[in-house]
Amino acid sequence: MSVIGTVGQLAAALWILNVWVLRFNKETEYRGGEAKNLPQEFDVYGFPKGTVWMVGSVKVSLAILLIVGVWVDALVRPAAGALGILMLAAIAMHLRVGDRLKKSAPAISVLSLCIVALAF
């Protein structure tokens, strides 16, 4: 894997960990609808209550796999691909509830980083 690909995978992983660990209960301008935190955001999207924990567990696990992928290259493609699919779903949810494109910017950014990790 090239340096560019490694930077992409690590940046995507750290971004996800920042959102799902450090900013889980924090208000940001990127939350869907009028949500103040991640559980409220999943309510805005109409998901059942436990969905936030399931999606969060998957995203954090994929982020960890991307980090481990620095040493185990075989993990990078599946983890970056799966995380990219989840980012497409996040973008779709923002569009579904009528959010401005700006609210999708973090998901678009992580999707772009996953593409970089896959391409390089």
N, C-alpha and C. Protein backbone atom coordinates (compact mmCIF):
# COMPACT_ATOMS: atom_id res chain seq x y z
N MET A 1 0.85 -1.18 0.00
CA MET A 1 0.00 0.00 0.00
C MET A 1 0.89 1.24 0.00
N SER A 2 0.46 2.23 -0.73
CA SER A 2 1.23 3.46 -0.82
C SER A 2 0.99 4.34 0.40
N VAL A 3 1.83 5.33 0.54
CA VAL A 3 1.69 6.29 1.64
C VAL A 3 0.34 7.01 1.54
N ILE A 4 -0.07 7.34 0.32
CA ILE A 4 -1.35 8.03 0.12
C ILE A 4 -2.51 7.16 0.62
N GLY A 5 -2.50 5.89 0.26
CA GLY A 5 -3.54 4.96 0.71
C GLY A 5 -3.55 4.81 2.23
N THR A 6 -2.37 4.72 2.81
CA THR A 6 -2.26 4.59 4.27
C THR A 6 -2.79 5.83 4.97
N VAL A 7 -2.47 7.01 4.44
CA VAL A 7 -2.99 8.25 5.02
C VAL A 7 -4.51 8.26 4.92
N GLY A 8 -5.05 7.84 3.78
CA GLY A 8 -6.51 7.79 3.60
C GLY A 8 -7.17 6.86 4.61
N GLN A 9 -6.62 5.67 4.77
CA GLN A 9 -7.24 4.72 5.68
C GLN A 9 -7.15 5.19 7.13
N LEU A 10 -6.00 5.76 7.52
CA LEU A 10 -5.87 6.23 8.90
C LEU A 10 -6.74 7.46 9.16
N ALA A 11 -6.82 8.36 8.19
CA ALA A 11 -7.66 9.54 8.35
C ALA A 11 -9.14 9.15 8.48
N ALA A 12 -9.59 8.20 7.65
CA ALA A 12 -10.98 7.73 7.74
C ALA A 12 -11.24 7.10 9.11
N ALA A 13 -10.30 6.26 9.56
CA ALA A 13 -10.46 5.59 10.85
C ALA A 13 -10.52 6.59 12.00
N LEU A 14 -9.60 7.54 12.01
CA LEU A 14 -9.56 8.51 13.11
C LEU A 14 -10.78 9.42 13.09
N TRP A 15 -11.27 9.76 11.91
CA TRP A 15 -12.47 10.58 11.80
C TRP A 15 -13.67 9.85 12.42
N ILE A 16 -13.82 8.57 12.06
CA ILE A 16 -14.93 7.77 12.61
C ILE A 16 -14.80 7.65 14.13
N LEU A 17 -13.62 7.37 14.63
CA LEU A 17 -13.43 7.25 16.08
C LEU A 17 -13.72 8.58 16.78
N ASN A 18 -13.34 9.68 16.18
CA ASN A 18 -13.64 11.00 16.74
C ASN A 18 -15.14 11.21 16.86
N VAL A 19 -15.87 10.90 15.80
CA VAL A 19 -17.33 11.11 15.80
C VAL A 19 -18.03 10.17 16.77
N TRP A 20 -17.66 8.90 16.75
CA TRP A 20 -18.41 7.89 17.50
C TRP A 20 -17.93 7.70 18.94
N VAL A 21 -16.74 8.19 19.27
CA VAL A 21 -16.25 8.07 20.65
C VAL A 21 -16.20 9.43 21.34
N LEU A 22 -15.53 10.38 20.74
CA LEU A 22 -15.36 11.69 21.39
C LEU A 22 -16.56 12.61 21.24
N ARG A 23 -17.28 12.54 20.12
CA ARG A 23 -18.37 13.48 19.85
C ARG A 23 -19.75 12.85 19.87
N PHE A 24 -19.86 11.65 20.41
CA PHE A 24 -21.13 10.90 20.40
C PHE A 24 -22.29 11.72 20.96
N ASN A 25 -22.09 12.36 22.08
CA ASN A 25 -23.16 13.12 22.74
C ASN A 25 -23.00 14.63 22.57
N LYS A 26 -22.18 15.04 21.63
CA LYS A 26 -21.95 16.47 21.44
C LYS A 26 -22.75 17.00 20.26
N GLU A 27 -23.18 18.24 20.40
CA GLU A 27 -23.90 18.90 19.33
C GLU A 27 -22.90 19.42 18.29
N THR A 28 -23.20 19.18 17.02
CA THR A 28 -22.40 19.74 15.93
C THR A 28 -23.37 20.24 14.87
N GLU A 29 -22.88 21.06 13.98
CA GLU A 29 -23.72 21.60 12.91
C GLU A 29 -24.01 20.57 11.83
N TYR A 30 -23.44 19.37 11.95
CA TYR A 30 -23.60 18.34 10.93
C TYR A 30 -24.63 17.27 11.30
N ARG A 31 -25.22 17.35 12.46
CA ARG A 31 -26.23 16.37 12.87
C ARG A 31 -27.47 16.49 11.98
N GLY A 32 -28.08 15.37 11.70
CA GLY A 32 -29.27 15.35 10.86
C GLY A 32 -30.44 16.06 11.52
N GLY A 33 -31.22 16.75 10.72
CA GLY A 33 -32.38 17.47 11.23
C GLY A 33 -31.98 18.46 12.30
N GLU A 34 -32.68 18.42 13.42
CA GLU A 34 -32.38 19.30 14.56
C GLU A 34 -31.74 18.52 15.71
N ALA A 35 -31.18 17.35 15.41
CA ALA A 35 -30.60 16.48 16.45
C ALA A 35 -29.44 17.16 17.15
N LYS A 36 -29.32 16.88 18.44
CA LYS A 36 -28.23 17.42 19.26
C LYS A 36 -27.11 16.41 19.50
N ASN A 37 -27.36 15.12 19.24
CA ASN A 37 -26.36 14.08 19.44
C ASN A 37 -26.68 12.90 18.51
N LEU A 38 -25.85 11.88 18.51
CA LEU A 38 -26.05 10.75 17.60
C LEU A 38 -27.35 9.98 17.86
N PRO A 39 -27.71 9.66 19.10
CA PRO A 39 -28.99 8.96 19.28
C PRO A 39 -30.18 9.77 18.74
N GLN A 40 -30.18 11.06 18.96
CA GLN A 40 -31.27 11.90 18.41
C GLN A 40 -31.24 11.92 16.89
N GLU A 41 -30.04 11.89 16.33
CA GLU A 41 -29.92 11.89 14.86
C GLU A 41 -30.56 10.62 14.28
N PHE A 42 -30.35 9.48 14.92
CA PHE A 42 -30.95 8.25 14.43
C PHE A 42 -32.47 8.28 14.60
N ASP A 43 -32.97 8.99 15.61
CA ASP A 43 -34.41 9.21 15.75
C ASP A 43 -34.94 10.03 14.59
N VAL A 44 -34.20 11.08 14.21
CA VAL A 44 -34.60 11.93 13.08
C VAL A 44 -34.75 11.08 11.82
N TYR A 45 -33.87 10.12 11.63
CA TYR A 45 -33.90 9.27 10.45
C TYR A 45 -34.98 8.19 10.53
N GLY A 46 -35.60 8.04 11.70
CA GLY A 46 -36.69 7.08 11.86
C GLY A 46 -36.25 5.66 12.16
N PHE A 47 -35.02 5.49 12.64
CA PHE A 47 -34.53 4.15 12.96
C PHE A 47 -34.99 3.73 14.35
N PRO A 48 -35.13 2.42 14.60
CA PRO A 48 -35.45 1.94 15.95
C PRO A 48 -34.34 2.33 16.94
N LYS A 49 -34.68 2.41 18.21
CA LYS A 49 -33.76 2.91 19.25
C LYS A 49 -32.39 2.24 19.26
N GLY A 50 -32.30 0.93 19.15
CA GLY A 50 -31.02 0.24 19.26
C GLY A 50 -30.12 0.35 18.04
N THR A 51 -30.65 0.89 16.95
CA THR A 51 -29.88 0.96 15.71
C THR A 51 -28.60 1.77 15.87
N VAL A 52 -28.66 2.85 16.64
CA VAL A 52 -27.48 3.69 16.82
C VAL A 52 -26.31 2.88 17.39
N TRP A 53 -26.60 1.97 18.30
CA TRP A 53 -25.55 1.16 18.93
C TRP A 53 -25.00 0.13 17.96
N MET A 54 -25.87 -0.45 17.15
CA MET A 54 -25.43 -1.43 16.17
C MET A 54 -24.55 -0.76 15.11
N VAL A 55 -25.02 0.34 14.54
CA VAL A 55 -24.25 1.04 13.52
C VAL A 55 -22.93 1.56 14.11
N GLY A 56 -22.99 2.11 15.31
CA GLY A 56 -21.78 2.60 15.96
C GLY A 56 -20.75 1.50 16.17
N SER A 57 -21.22 0.34 16.61
CA SER A 57 -20.30 -0.79 16.83
C SER A 57 -19.63 -1.22 15.53
N VAL A 58 -20.42 -1.26 14.46
CA VAL A 58 -19.86 -1.64 13.16
C VAL A 58 -18.85 -0.60 12.69
N LYS A 59 -19.20 0.68 12.78
CA LYS A 59 -18.29 1.74 12.31
C LYS A 59 -17.00 1.77 13.13
N VAL A 60 -17.10 1.65 14.44
CA VAL A 60 -15.90 1.65 15.28
C VAL A 60 -15.05 0.41 14.97
N SER A 61 -15.69 -0.73 14.78
CA SER A 61 -14.94 -1.95 14.43
C SER A 61 -14.22 -1.79 13.10
N LEU A 62 -14.90 -1.21 12.11
CA LEU A 62 -14.26 -1.00 10.81
C LEU A 62 -13.10 -0.01 10.93
N ALA A 63 -13.27 1.01 11.76
CA ALA A 63 -12.18 1.98 11.97
C ALA A 63 -10.97 1.29 12.59
N ILE A 64 -11.21 0.43 13.56
CA ILE A 64 -10.10 -0.32 14.18
C ILE A 64 -9.43 -1.23 13.16
N LEU A 65 -10.24 -1.87 12.31
CA LEU A 65 -9.66 -2.72 11.26
C LEU A 65 -8.80 -1.91 10.30
N LEU A 66 -9.22 -0.69 10.00
CA LEU A 66 -8.40 0.16 9.13
C LEU A 66 -7.06 0.51 9.78
N ILE A 67 -7.08 0.72 11.08
CA ILE A 67 -5.83 1.00 11.78
C ILE A 67 -4.94 -0.24 11.79
N VAL A 68 -5.52 -1.39 12.12
CA VAL A 68 -4.75 -2.65 12.10
C VAL A 68 -4.25 -2.94 10.68
N GLY A 69 -4.99 -2.46 9.69
CA GLY A 69 -4.61 -2.65 8.30
C GLY A 69 -3.27 -2.05 7.93
N VAL A 70 -2.75 -1.14 8.76
CA VAL A 70 -1.40 -0.62 8.53
C VAL A 70 -0.40 -1.78 8.56
N TRP A 71 -0.67 -2.78 9.39
CA TRP A 71 0.22 -3.93 9.53
C TRP A 71 -0.31 -5.18 8.80
N VAL A 72 -1.64 -5.25 8.63
CA VAL A 72 -2.26 -6.42 7.98
C VAL A 72 -3.03 -5.90 6.76
N ASP A 73 -2.32 -5.81 5.66
CA ASP A 73 -2.86 -5.19 4.45
C ASP A 73 -4.18 -5.80 3.97
N ALA A 74 -4.38 -7.08 4.20
CA ALA A 74 -5.58 -7.77 3.72
C ALA A 74 -6.87 -7.22 4.35
N LEU A 75 -6.76 -6.50 5.44
CA LEU A 75 -7.95 -5.96 6.11
C LEU A 75 -8.45 -4.66 5.48
N VAL A 76 -7.58 -3.97 4.77
CA VAL A 76 -7.90 -2.61 4.33
C VAL A 76 -9.05 -2.58 3.33
N ARG A 77 -8.99 -3.36 2.28
CA ARG A 77 -10.04 -3.30 1.24
C ARG A 77 -11.42 -3.63 1.79
N PRO A 78 -11.59 -4.73 2.52
CA PRO A 78 -12.94 -5.00 3.04
C PRO A 78 -13.43 -3.93 4.01
N ALA A 79 -12.54 -3.45 4.88
CA ALA A 79 -12.95 -2.44 5.87
C ALA A 79 -13.27 -1.11 5.20
N ALA A 80 -12.43 -0.67 4.27
CA ALA A 80 -12.67 0.59 3.57
C ALA A 80 -13.92 0.49 2.70
N GLY A 81 -14.12 -0.64 2.06
CA GLY A 81 -15.32 -0.84 1.23
C GLY A 81 -16.59 -0.80 2.05
N ALA A 82 -16.59 -1.52 3.17
CA ALA A 82 -17.78 -1.54 4.03
C ALA A 82 -18.05 -0.16 4.64
N LEU A 83 -17.00 0.51 5.07
CA LEU A 83 -17.18 1.85 5.64
C LEU A 83 -17.68 2.82 4.57
N GLY A 84 -17.17 2.68 3.35
CA GLY A 84 -17.65 3.52 2.25
C GLY A 84 -19.14 3.32 1.99
N ILE A 85 -19.60 2.08 2.04
CA ILE A 85 -21.03 1.79 1.87
C ILE A 85 -21.84 2.45 2.98
N LEU A 86 -21.34 2.38 4.21
CA LEU A 86 -22.04 3.03 5.32
C LEU A 86 -22.08 4.55 5.15
N MET A 87 -21.03 5.11 4.56
CA MET A 87 -21.03 6.56 4.31
C MET A 87 -22.03 6.93 3.23
N LEU A 88 -22.18 6.08 2.22
CA LEU A 88 -23.22 6.31 1.21
C LEU A 88 -24.61 6.30 1.86
N ALA A 89 -24.80 5.37 2.79
CA ALA A 89 -26.08 5.30 3.51
C ALA A 89 -26.29 6.56 4.36
N ALA A 90 -25.23 7.05 4.99
CA ALA A 90 -25.34 8.27 5.80
C ALA A 90 -25.73 9.46 4.93
N ILE A 91 -25.11 9.57 3.76
CA ILE A 91 -25.45 10.65 2.83
C ILE A 91 -26.91 10.53 2.42
N ALA A 92 -27.34 9.32 2.12
CA ALA A 92 -28.74 9.09 1.72
C ALA A 92 -29.71 9.49 2.83
N MET A 93 -29.35 9.21 4.08
CA MET A 93 -30.23 9.58 5.20
C MET A 93 -30.35 11.10 5.32
N HIS A 94 -29.24 11.81 5.16
CA HIS A 94 -29.30 13.28 5.19
C HIS A 94 -30.21 13.80 4.08
N LEU A 95 -30.08 13.24 2.89
CA LEU A 95 -30.92 13.68 1.77
C LEU A 95 -32.39 13.34 2.02
N ARG A 96 -32.63 12.17 2.60
CA ARG A 96 -33.99 11.70 2.86
C ARG A 96 -34.76 12.63 3.79
N VAL A 97 -34.06 13.21 4.77
CA VAL A 97 -34.75 14.10 5.72
C VAL A 97 -34.67 15.57 5.29
N GLY A 98 -34.10 15.82 4.11
CA GLY A 98 -34.08 17.18 3.58
C GLY A 98 -32.98 18.07 4.13
N ASP A 99 -31.92 17.49 4.68
CA ASP A 99 -30.81 18.30 5.18
C ASP A 99 -30.09 19.00 4.03
N ARG A 100 -29.50 20.14 4.34
CA ARG A 100 -28.62 20.81 3.39
C ARG A 100 -27.41 19.91 3.12
N LEU A 101 -26.82 20.07 1.95
CA LEU A 101 -25.67 19.25 1.57
C LEU A 101 -24.53 19.39 2.57
N LYS A 102 -24.40 20.56 3.19
CA LYS A 102 -23.34 20.80 4.18
C LYS A 102 -23.36 19.76 5.29
N LYS A 103 -24.56 19.30 5.69
CA LYS A 103 -24.64 18.32 6.77
C LYS A 103 -24.09 16.96 6.35
N SER A 104 -24.00 16.72 5.05
CA SER A 104 -23.43 15.48 4.54
C SER A 104 -21.92 15.56 4.36
N ALA A 105 -21.34 16.73 4.57
CA ALA A 105 -19.91 16.93 4.30
C ALA A 105 -19.01 15.93 5.03
N PRO A 106 -19.24 15.64 6.32
CA PRO A 106 -18.36 14.65 6.98
C PRO A 106 -18.46 13.26 6.33
N ALA A 107 -19.68 12.83 5.99
CA ALA A 107 -19.83 11.52 5.36
C ALA A 107 -19.19 11.50 3.98
N ILE A 108 -19.33 12.60 3.23
CA ILE A 108 -18.69 12.70 1.92
C ILE A 108 -17.17 12.65 2.08
N SER A 109 -16.66 13.31 3.10
CA SER A 109 -15.21 13.31 3.33
C SER A 109 -14.69 11.93 3.68
N VAL A 110 -15.38 11.23 4.58
CA VAL A 110 -14.94 9.88 4.96
C VAL A 110 -15.07 8.94 3.77
N LEU A 111 -16.15 9.09 2.99
CA LEU A 111 -16.30 8.28 1.78
C LEU A 111 -15.11 8.52 0.84
N SER A 112 -14.72 9.76 0.67
CA SER A 112 -13.58 10.09 -0.19
C SER A 112 -12.29 9.46 0.34
N LEU A 113 -12.10 9.50 1.65
CA LEU A 113 -10.91 8.87 2.25
C LEU A 113 -10.93 7.35 2.05
N CYS A 114 -12.11 6.75 2.13
CA CYS A 114 -12.21 5.30 1.88
C CYS A 114 -11.87 4.98 0.43
N ILE A 115 -12.30 5.83 -0.48
CA ILE A 115 -11.97 5.63 -1.90
C ILE A 115 -10.46 5.75 -2.11
N VAL A 116 -9.84 6.71 -1.44
CA VAL A 116 -8.38 6.86 -1.53
C VAL A 116 -7.70 5.59 -1.00
N ALA A 117 -8.18 5.08 0.13
CA ALA A 117 -7.59 3.86 0.71
C ALA A 117 -7.76 2.68 -0.25
N LEU A 118 -8.90 2.61 -0.92
CA LEU A 118 -9.13 1.52 -1.87
C LEU A 118 -8.30 1.67 -3.15
N ALA A 119 -8.14 2.91 -3.59
CA ALA A 119 -7.45 3.16 -4.86
C ALA A 119 -5.93 3.06 -4.75
N PHE A 120 -5.41 3.38 -3.57
CA PHE A 120 -3.96 3.41 -3.42
C PHE A 120 -3.48 2.33 -2.47
